[in-house]
Amino acid sequence: MMLALTNARLVCPVAGVAEGSILIDGESILASGAIDVPSHAATMDCGGKTLAPGIVDLGVFAIDRAAFRAGGIVRVGLMPDQSPVLDDPGIVQRSALVGKPDLWIHPIAAATRALAGEALAEMAVCASAGAKAVGTGRAWIADTGVMRRVLAYARDLGLTVIAHAEDGGLTRAAVATAGETATRLGLPAAPAIAEALAVARDLMLAEETGARLHLRQVTTAAALDLVRAAKRRGVAVTCGVTPAHLHLSDIAMSDFRTFAHLSPPLRSEADRQAALVAVADGTIDVLASGHDPHGPEAKRLPFVDSRAGMAGAETLLPLALMLVRDGLVTLDRLFALLAANPARVLGLKTGTLEAGAPADLLLFDAATPWRIDGDALLASAGNTPFDGLPVQGRVLRLWKGGREIVQREAS
């Protein structure tokens, strides 16, 4: 069936922002912009609301279908840190199939067996089973020889390596970034340079091997400078960040707030400001939720004993829209960060409103006000450091491959 979505504010990372319509034929976009709607097409008036590509959330640790739908997320890059680890082709294949048709899960296979950082995993077989990238998981591969082999093997397979960049020799047992807050709270902390050291090594290896490297989260000024310089040299590197590291500093951990216990840990205000600059100047390519929810049994503990992670899927869009309201990015650039760029890292031809692209579409009202309430989130757990924060931006409707999966009345 042909469907025309009319009277919309179209946001495309390629074509920019314009008033217009989108014509869907089956699972794909047939045309967008100022188009003539065929008389036989079904139509839906978008009421002037914003129509953009569905979000591609790169690097989630848990599958929460309801939370993803509420957050406008239609595809996720699933981290290999699952139980069991995504280092076996059968497990990878099952992971890729379990969410369809409403949610497409793109597994990130483990770069090493059991994510132990030692023997290489069967990357080629996992890729044939549906893996779209390989990753180091929550941890850094300490053995430089192993990491070099990972990068070289992934290069030959045409896969991106998604790396966690913190030097484990410095961060072992640390739960915070060294600084005034960690000292005042008496928390075991690691210096921020742990990130830059890991980034420097991995960039040098990526440059030497010619591999594609994605640093899942880069959160410090020193590390961002290294990425910026590597891009100027032509290194095939991209990097991401979460809203938490853009909107919060380590002060959010005050009073031992375990909901602010994240990985990597929250940084200084100077590093937070550097991350905002890196979003604005294009150094940061991907904005992801870092969705990693944990219930009371893991969070209602002393800070040192609590699990790192936050529920981020449902708050990604409104927290991202704050960057537009603050003038750091344009709306079309924001959806490059949320959709087109993460799709490119995973080798997916989606994330735009161009003709021929999958009809993965998100209709939202950027002005709808609401207050984040962790207890009301649809995720398996509602641990968010943004609990109680007033935000704007609500998903109204969502389509995956031309099939509507969310419909909410505008408020």
Protein backbone atom coordinates (compact mmCIF):
# COMPACT_ATOMS: atom_id res chain seq x y z
CA MET A 1 0.00 0.00 0.00
CA MET A 2 1.13 3.50 -0.82
CA LEU A 3 0.98 6.03 2.05
CA ALA A 4 1.57 9.78 1.91
CA LEU A 5 2.55 11.63 5.08
CA THR A 6 1.67 15.25 4.33
CA ASN A 7 2.00 18.66 5.97
CA ALA A 8 5.18 17.81 7.85
CA ARG A 9 8.38 19.56 8.80
CA LEU A 10 10.88 17.20 7.18
CA VAL A 11 14.29 16.74 8.79
CA CYS A 12 16.84 14.89 6.68
CA PRO A 13 20.58 14.70 7.50
CA VAL A 14 21.27 14.92 3.75
CA ALA A 15 18.63 17.33 2.41
CA GLY A 16 18.21 19.56 5.46
CA VAL A 17 14.97 20.91 6.94
CA ALA A 18 11.96 21.80 4.77
CA GLU A 19 8.18 21.71 4.72
CA GLY A 20 6.80 18.87 2.66
CA SER A 21 5.54 15.32 2.43
CA ILE A 22 6.87 11.77 2.27
CA LEU A 23 5.49 9.08 0.00
CA ILE A 24 5.93 5.51 1.24
CA ASP A 25 5.60 2.53 -1.07
CA GLY A 26 5.72 -0.73 0.88
CA GLU A 27 8.80 -0.72 3.10
CA SER A 28 10.65 2.12 1.38
CA ILE A 29 10.49 5.86 0.84
CA LEU A 30 9.41 6.55 -2.73
CA ALA A 31 9.77 10.35 -2.65
CA SER A 32 10.07 13.21 -0.19
CA GLY A 33 9.79 16.99 -0.27
CA ALA A 34 7.40 18.98 -2.43
CA ILE A 35 5.73 16.01 -4.12
CA ASP A 36 2.53 15.28 -5.97
CA VAL A 37 0.54 12.74 -4.00
CA PRO A 38 -1.02 10.04 -6.21
CA SER A 39 -4.80 9.90 -6.01
CA HIS A 40 -4.75 6.23 -5.00
CA ALA A 41 -2.41 6.76 -2.03
CA ALA A 42 -3.71 6.77 1.53
CA THR A 43 -2.85 10.05 3.25
CA MET A 44 -2.11 11.19 6.77
CA ASP A 45 -1.86 14.83 7.78
CA CYS A 46 1.09 15.34 10.14
CA GLY A 47 -0.29 18.63 11.38
CA GLY A 48 2.96 20.51 10.83
CA LYS A 49 4.86 18.29 13.29
CA THR A 50 8.43 17.14 12.69
CA LEU A 51 9.07 14.04 10.59
CA ALA A 52 12.60 12.60 10.74
CA PRO A 53 14.42 9.29 10.28
CA GLY A 54 13.86 6.77 13.06
CA ILE A 55 16.70 6.74 15.57
CA VAL A 56 19.52 4.20 15.22
CA ASP A 57 20.83 3.71 18.76
CA LEU A 58 24.40 2.49 18.59
CA GLY A 59 25.67 0.54 21.60
CA VAL A 60 22.79 -0.59 23.82
CA PHE A 61 23.29 -3.24 26.49
CA ALA A 62 19.69 -4.37 26.95
CA ILE A 63 16.69 -4.85 24.68
CA ASP A 64 13.64 -2.94 25.96
CA ARG A 65 11.17 -2.89 23.07
CA ALA A 66 8.60 -0.64 24.75
CA ALA A 67 11.27 1.85 25.80
CA PHE A 68 12.76 1.94 22.31
CA ARG A 69 9.36 2.52 20.73
CA ALA A 70 8.60 5.33 23.19
CA GLY A 71 11.98 6.88 22.39
CA GLY A 72 11.61 6.80 18.60
CA ILE A 73 14.28 4.10 18.19
CA VAL A 74 13.76 1.62 15.35
CA ARG A 75 17.21 0.01 15.16
CA VAL A 76 19.82 -0.73 17.81
CA GLY A 77 23.43 -1.82 17.74
CA LEU A 78 23.49 -4.46 20.48
CA MET A 79 26.69 -4.63 22.52
CA PRO A 80 28.39 -8.04 22.79
CA ASP A 81 28.18 -8.00 26.62
CA GLN A 82 25.19 -10.31 26.78
CA SER A 83 24.58 -13.60 28.55
CA PRO A 84 25.87 -15.53 26.70
CA VAL A 85 28.45 -13.25 25.06
CA LEU A 86 27.91 -12.54 21.36
CA ASP A 87 30.94 -14.53 20.23
CA ASP A 88 29.11 -17.45 18.61
CA PRO A 89 27.33 -17.33 15.22
CA GLY A 90 24.21 -19.04 16.55
CA ILE A 91 23.84 -16.51 19.35
CA VAL A 92 24.49 -13.63 16.94
CA GLN A 93 21.87 -14.91 14.50
CA ARG A 94 19.23 -15.33 17.21
CA SER A 95 19.93 -11.81 18.48
CA ALA A 96 19.48 -10.37 14.99
CA LEU A 97 16.09 -12.03 14.53
CA VAL A 98 14.46 -11.63 17.93
CA GLY A 99 13.19 -8.04 17.58
CA LYS A 100 11.69 -8.11 14.08
CA PRO A 101 9.55 -6.75 12.58
CA ASP A 102 9.08 -3.78 14.95
CA LEU A 103 12.70 -3.47 16.08
CA TRP A 104 15.78 -4.40 14.09
CA ILE A 105 18.64 -5.54 16.27
CA HIS A 106 22.10 -5.31 14.72
CA PRO A 107 24.47 -7.41 16.84
CA ILE A 108 27.97 -6.18 17.56
CA ALA A 109 29.98 -9.40 17.82
CA ALA A 110 32.68 -9.85 20.44
CA ALA A 111 36.14 -9.08 19.10
CA THR A 112 37.71 -11.65 21.44
CA ARG A 113 36.37 -14.90 22.84
CA ALA A 114 34.19 -14.30 25.89
CA LEU A 115 35.36 -10.66 25.72
CA ALA A 116 38.46 -11.76 27.62
CA GLY A 117 40.82 -9.63 25.51
CA GLU A 118 42.97 -12.62 24.57
CA ALA A 119 42.08 -15.01 21.72
CA LEU A 120 40.32 -13.54 18.70
CA ALA A 121 36.68 -14.52 18.23
CA GLU A 122 35.33 -15.99 14.99
CA MET A 123 34.58 -12.61 13.45
CA ALA A 124 34.05 -13.83 9.89
CA VAL A 125 31.52 -16.49 10.90
CA CYS A 126 29.72 -14.04 13.20
CA ALA A 127 29.58 -11.50 10.36
CA SER A 128 27.98 -14.08 8.09
CA ALA A 129 25.45 -14.73 10.87
CA GLY A 130 24.40 -11.06 10.95
CA ALA A 131 26.95 -9.14 13.02
CA LYS A 132 27.33 -5.58 11.70
CA ALA A 133 30.50 -4.71 13.64
CA VAL A 134 32.84 -6.17 16.25
CA GLY A 135 33.44 -4.68 19.68
CA THR A 136 35.56 -4.86 22.78
CA GLY A 137 32.46 -4.57 25.00
CA ARG A 138 32.56 -2.69 28.29
CA ALA A 139 36.32 -3.12 28.60
CA TRP A 140 39.53 -2.07 26.87
CA ILE A 141 41.75 -4.71 25.27
CA ALA A 142 44.95 -4.26 27.27
CA ASP A 143 47.17 -6.43 25.06
CA THR A 144 48.32 -4.19 22.20
CA GLY A 145 49.21 -7.18 20.04
CA VAL A 146 45.70 -8.57 20.38
CA MET A 147 44.12 -5.21 19.57
CA ARG A 148 46.29 -4.85 16.49
CA ARG A 149 45.17 -8.29 15.27
CA VAL A 150 41.53 -7.39 15.96
CA LEU A 151 41.83 -4.25 13.87
CA ALA A 152 43.65 -5.98 11.02
CA TYR A 153 41.17 -8.87 10.89
CA ALA A 154 38.17 -6.53 11.02
CA ARG A 155 39.72 -4.42 8.23
CA ASP A 156 39.96 -7.48 5.99
CA LEU A 157 36.31 -8.29 6.72
CA GLY A 158 35.14 -4.72 6.11
CA LEU A 159 33.86 -4.39 9.69
CA THR A 160 34.18 -1.45 12.07
CA VAL A 161 35.77 -2.10 15.47
CA ILE A 162 33.73 -0.49 18.26
CA ALA A 163 36.04 0.09 21.21
CA HIS A 164 35.75 1.10 24.83
CA ALA A 165 38.62 3.48 25.47
CA GLU A 166 39.89 3.55 29.06
CA ASP A 167 43.26 2.21 30.13
CA GLY A 168 42.35 -0.66 32.43
CA GLY A 169 45.60 -0.40 34.33
CA LEU A 170 44.46 2.99 35.63
CA THR A 171 40.72 2.43 35.93
CA ARG A 172 40.79 -0.92 37.76
CA ALA A 173 38.39 -0.70 40.77
CA ALA A 174 37.74 3.01 40.07
CA VAL A 175 34.13 4.25 40.06
CA ALA A 176 34.74 7.95 39.48
CA THR A 177 37.01 10.45 37.76
CA ALA A 178 39.78 11.79 39.96
CA GLY A 179 38.96 15.30 41.12
CA GLU A 180 37.31 17.34 43.82
CA THR A 181 34.03 15.41 43.87
CA ALA A 182 35.66 11.97 44.09
CA THR A 183 38.02 13.21 46.81
CA ARG A 184 35.20 14.75 48.83
CA LEU A 185 33.15 11.54 48.61
CA GLY A 186 36.12 9.30 49.24
CA LEU A 187 35.50 7.25 46.10
CA PRO A 188 38.18 5.20 44.31
CA ALA A 189 38.95 7.22 41.21
CA ALA A 190 41.05 7.13 38.05
CA PRO A 191 42.63 10.13 36.33
CA ALA A 192 40.84 11.40 33.23
CA ILE A 193 44.02 10.73 31.25
CA ALA A 194 43.11 7.02 31.33
CA GLU A 195 40.80 7.73 28.42
CA ALA A 196 43.34 9.70 26.39
CA LEU A 197 45.98 6.99 26.84
CA ALA A 198 43.63 4.33 25.48
CA VAL A 199 42.43 6.55 22.64
CA ALA A 200 46.01 7.40 21.62
CA ARG A 201 47.01 3.77 21.35
CA ASP A 202 43.92 2.66 19.46
CA LEU A 203 44.18 5.58 17.04
CA MET A 204 47.77 4.72 16.27
CA LEU A 205 46.85 1.08 15.66
CA ALA A 206 43.89 2.06 13.46
CA GLU A 207 46.11 4.38 11.44
CA GLU A 208 48.79 1.71 11.02
CA THR A 209 46.37 -1.06 10.03
CA GLY A 210 43.97 1.07 7.98
CA ALA A 211 41.02 -0.28 9.97
CA ARG A 212 37.78 1.53 10.73
CA LEU A 213 37.57 2.41 14.43
CA HIS A 214 34.59 3.74 16.35
CA LEU A 215 35.28 4.92 19.90
CA ARG A 216 31.91 4.34 21.53
CA GLN A 217 32.27 7.12 24.08
CA VAL A 218 34.87 9.89 24.17
CA THR A 219 34.30 12.16 27.15
CA THR A 220 37.49 14.12 27.94
CA ALA A 221 39.11 17.15 26.35
CA ALA A 222 42.47 15.42 25.87
CA ALA A 223 40.95 12.40 24.12
CA LEU A 224 38.73 14.58 21.92
CA ASP A 225 41.79 16.55 20.81
CA LEU A 226 43.45 13.28 19.80
CA VAL A 227 40.40 12.24 17.75
CA ARG A 228 40.23 15.68 16.14
CA ALA A 229 43.87 15.48 15.09
CA ALA A 230 43.50 11.91 13.81
CA LYS A 231 40.57 12.91 11.62
CA ARG A 232 42.67 15.68 10.10
CA ARG A 233 45.31 13.06 9.24
CA GLY A 234 42.70 10.94 7.50
CA VAL A 235 42.41 8.16 10.08
CA ALA A 236 39.13 6.22 9.63
CA VAL A 237 37.86 7.03 13.10
CA THR A 238 34.48 8.07 14.44
CA CYS A 239 33.38 8.59 18.02
CA GLY A 240 30.27 8.90 20.12
CA VAL A 241 28.95 10.24 23.40
CA THR A 242 25.79 10.01 25.51
CA PRO A 243 23.59 12.89 26.71
CA ALA A 244 24.76 12.23 30.26
CA HIS A 245 28.30 13.32 29.44
CA LEU A 246 27.00 16.41 27.64
CA HIS A 247 24.55 17.60 30.29
CA LEU A 248 26.09 16.38 33.56
CA SER A 249 29.45 16.69 35.27
CA ASP A 250 30.81 14.65 38.17
CA ILE A 251 28.99 16.98 40.54
CA ALA A 252 25.89 14.89 39.76
CA MET A 253 27.44 12.11 41.89
CA SER A 254 27.20 14.27 45.02
CA ASP A 255 25.33 12.66 47.93
CA PHE A 256 26.49 9.29 46.51
CA ARG A 257 23.77 9.28 43.82
CA THR A 258 24.27 5.85 42.29
CA PHE A 259 22.01 6.70 39.35
CA ALA A 260 24.96 8.89 38.28
CA HIS A 261 27.36 5.93 38.46
CA LEU A 262 28.16 5.49 34.76
CA SER A 263 30.82 3.98 32.55
CA PRO A 264 32.87 5.90 31.64
CA PRO A 265 32.30 7.94 34.80
CA LEU A 266 31.05 11.48 34.67
CA ARG A 267 33.84 13.98 34.08
CA SER A 268 34.81 17.47 35.20
CA GLU A 269 32.91 20.54 34.07
CA ALA A 270 35.84 21.45 31.79
CA ASP A 271 35.61 18.08 30.07
CA ARG A 272 31.85 18.42 29.74
CA GLN A 273 32.26 21.76 28.03
CA ALA A 274 34.91 20.24 25.72
CA ALA A 275 32.45 17.52 24.74
CA LEU A 276 29.84 20.14 23.83
CA VAL A 277 32.40 21.90 21.65
CA ALA A 278 33.24 18.56 20.01
CA VAL A 279 29.58 18.01 19.15
CA ALA A 280 29.34 21.48 17.65
CA ASP A 281 32.52 21.22 15.55
CA GLY A 282 31.83 17.73 14.22
CA THR A 283 34.47 15.82 16.15
CA ILE A 284 31.74 13.71 17.77
CA ASP A 285 29.81 11.73 15.16
CA VAL A 286 27.24 9.75 17.14
CA LEU A 287 24.85 10.53 19.98
CA ALA A 288 23.61 7.35 21.66
CA SER A 289 21.54 6.49 24.70
CA GLY A 290 24.04 4.13 26.32
CA HIS A 291 20.93 2.23 27.42
CA ASP A 292 22.05 -0.01 30.31
CA PRO A 293 19.25 -0.20 32.90
CA HIS A 294 19.68 -1.73 36.36
CA GLY A 295 17.10 -2.34 39.05
CA PRO A 296 17.21 -1.54 42.78
CA GLU A 297 19.19 -4.68 43.56
CA ALA A 298 22.08 -3.26 41.53
CA LYS A 299 21.63 0.47 42.20
CA ARG A 300 20.32 0.81 45.78
CA LEU A 301 23.75 -0.02 47.14
CA PRO A 302 26.80 1.88 48.38
CA PHE A 303 28.25 3.77 45.40
CA VAL A 304 31.32 1.53 45.12
CA ASP A 305 29.18 -1.62 45.07
CA SER A 306 26.54 -0.37 42.64
CA ARG A 307 26.51 -1.24 38.94
CA ALA A 308 27.46 1.39 36.37
CA GLY A 309 24.80 2.25 33.81
CA MET A 310 21.58 4.13 33.14
CA ALA A 311 18.25 3.77 31.37
CA GLY A 312 18.60 6.09 28.39
CA ALA A 313 16.36 5.02 25.51
CA GLU A 314 13.25 7.07 26.36
CA THR A 315 15.17 10.23 27.23
CA LEU A 316 17.58 10.27 24.27
CA LEU A 317 15.40 12.41 21.97
CA PRO A 318 14.39 15.17 24.44
CA LEU A 319 17.91 15.41 25.87
CA ALA A 320 19.30 15.59 22.33
CA LEU A 321 16.85 18.35 21.38
CA MET A 322 18.35 20.48 24.15
CA LEU A 323 21.46 20.77 21.94
CA VAL A 324 19.33 22.31 19.18
CA ARG A 325 17.65 24.75 21.55
CA ASP A 326 21.07 25.76 22.88
CA GLY A 327 22.27 26.50 19.34
CA LEU A 328 25.03 23.86 19.31
CA VAL A 329 23.67 21.93 16.33
CA THR A 330 20.98 22.30 13.71
CA LEU A 331 18.07 19.87 13.65
CA ASP A 332 19.32 18.09 10.52
CA ARG A 333 22.79 17.76 12.04
CA LEU A 334 21.19 16.31 15.17
CA PHE A 335 19.61 13.53 13.12
CA ALA A 336 22.95 12.83 11.52
CA LEU A 337 24.17 12.17 15.07
CA LEU A 338 21.09 10.10 15.96
CA ALA A 339 20.42 8.20 12.74
CA ALA A 340 22.59 8.63 9.64
CA ASN A 341 26.02 8.43 11.30
CA PRO A 342 25.33 5.42 13.55
CA ALA A 343 23.81 3.67 10.53
CA ARG A 344 27.01 4.35 8.59
CA VAL A 345 29.18 2.92 11.37
CA LEU A 346 27.13 -0.29 11.17
CA GLY A 347 27.18 -0.34 7.37
CA LEU A 348 23.41 0.23 7.08
CA LYS A 349 21.75 2.16 4.27
CA THR A 350 19.25 4.00 6.42
CA GLY A 351 18.98 7.12 8.58
CA THR A 352 17.83 9.57 5.89
CA LEU A 353 14.62 10.61 4.15
CA GLU A 354 16.04 10.03 0.66
CA ALA A 355 14.14 8.08 -1.98
CA GLY A 356 14.96 4.39 -1.70
CA ALA A 357 15.76 4.51 2.01
CA PRO A 358 13.80 2.26 4.38
CA ALA A 359 10.62 3.91 5.61
CA ASP A 360 11.88 4.06 9.20
CA LEU A 361 10.22 7.28 10.28
CA LEU A 362 9.70 9.25 13.46
CA LEU A 363 7.02 11.91 13.90
CA PHE A 364 7.51 14.04 17.01
CA ASP A 365 6.49 17.29 18.61
CA ALA A 366 9.65 19.13 19.63
CA ALA A 367 7.70 21.52 21.87
CA THR A 368 5.74 19.09 24.05
CA PRO A 369 6.85 19.61 27.68
CA TRP A 370 7.16 16.75 30.16
CA ARG A 371 9.13 15.81 33.21
CA ILE A 372 11.40 12.76 33.31
CA ASP A 373 10.10 10.33 35.92
CA GLY A 374 12.22 7.24 36.40
CA ASP A 375 9.31 5.34 37.94
CA ALA A 376 7.20 5.95 34.83
CA LEU A 377 9.79 4.87 32.26
CA LEU A 378 8.92 1.77 30.25
CA ALA A 379 12.41 0.28 30.43
CA SER A 380 13.14 -2.82 32.50
CA ALA A 381 14.49 -0.40 35.12
CA GLY A 382 14.11 3.37 35.40
CA ASN A 383 17.49 4.37 36.81
CA THR A 384 18.23 7.72 35.20
CA PRO A 385 20.40 10.56 36.51
CA PHE A 386 17.89 12.93 34.88
CA ASP A 387 15.00 11.96 37.15
CA GLY A 388 12.79 15.03 37.70
CA LEU A 389 14.30 17.08 34.86
CA PRO A 390 11.80 19.12 32.78
CA VAL A 391 12.33 18.45 29.05
CA GLN A 392 10.62 19.00 25.70
CA GLY A 393 10.02 16.64 22.82
CA ARG A 394 7.66 13.66 22.54
CA VAL A 395 7.37 10.87 19.98
CA LEU A 396 3.92 10.94 18.36
CA ARG A 397 4.15 8.19 15.73
CA LEU A 398 6.74 5.71 14.58
CA TRP A 399 7.06 3.59 11.46
CA LYS A 400 9.41 0.67 10.86
CA GLY A 401 9.69 -0.32 7.21
CA GLY A 402 6.48 1.55 6.42
CA ARG A 403 4.55 -0.22 9.18
CA GLU A 404 3.24 1.98 11.99
CA ILE A 405 4.23 0.73 15.43
CA VAL A 406 3.55 3.75 17.69
CA GLN A 407 0.63 6.16 17.72
CA ARG A 408 0.28 8.75 20.49
CA GLU A 409 -2.06 11.71 20.56
CA ALA A 410 -0.42 15.14 20.53
CA SER A 411 -0.72 16.99 23.82
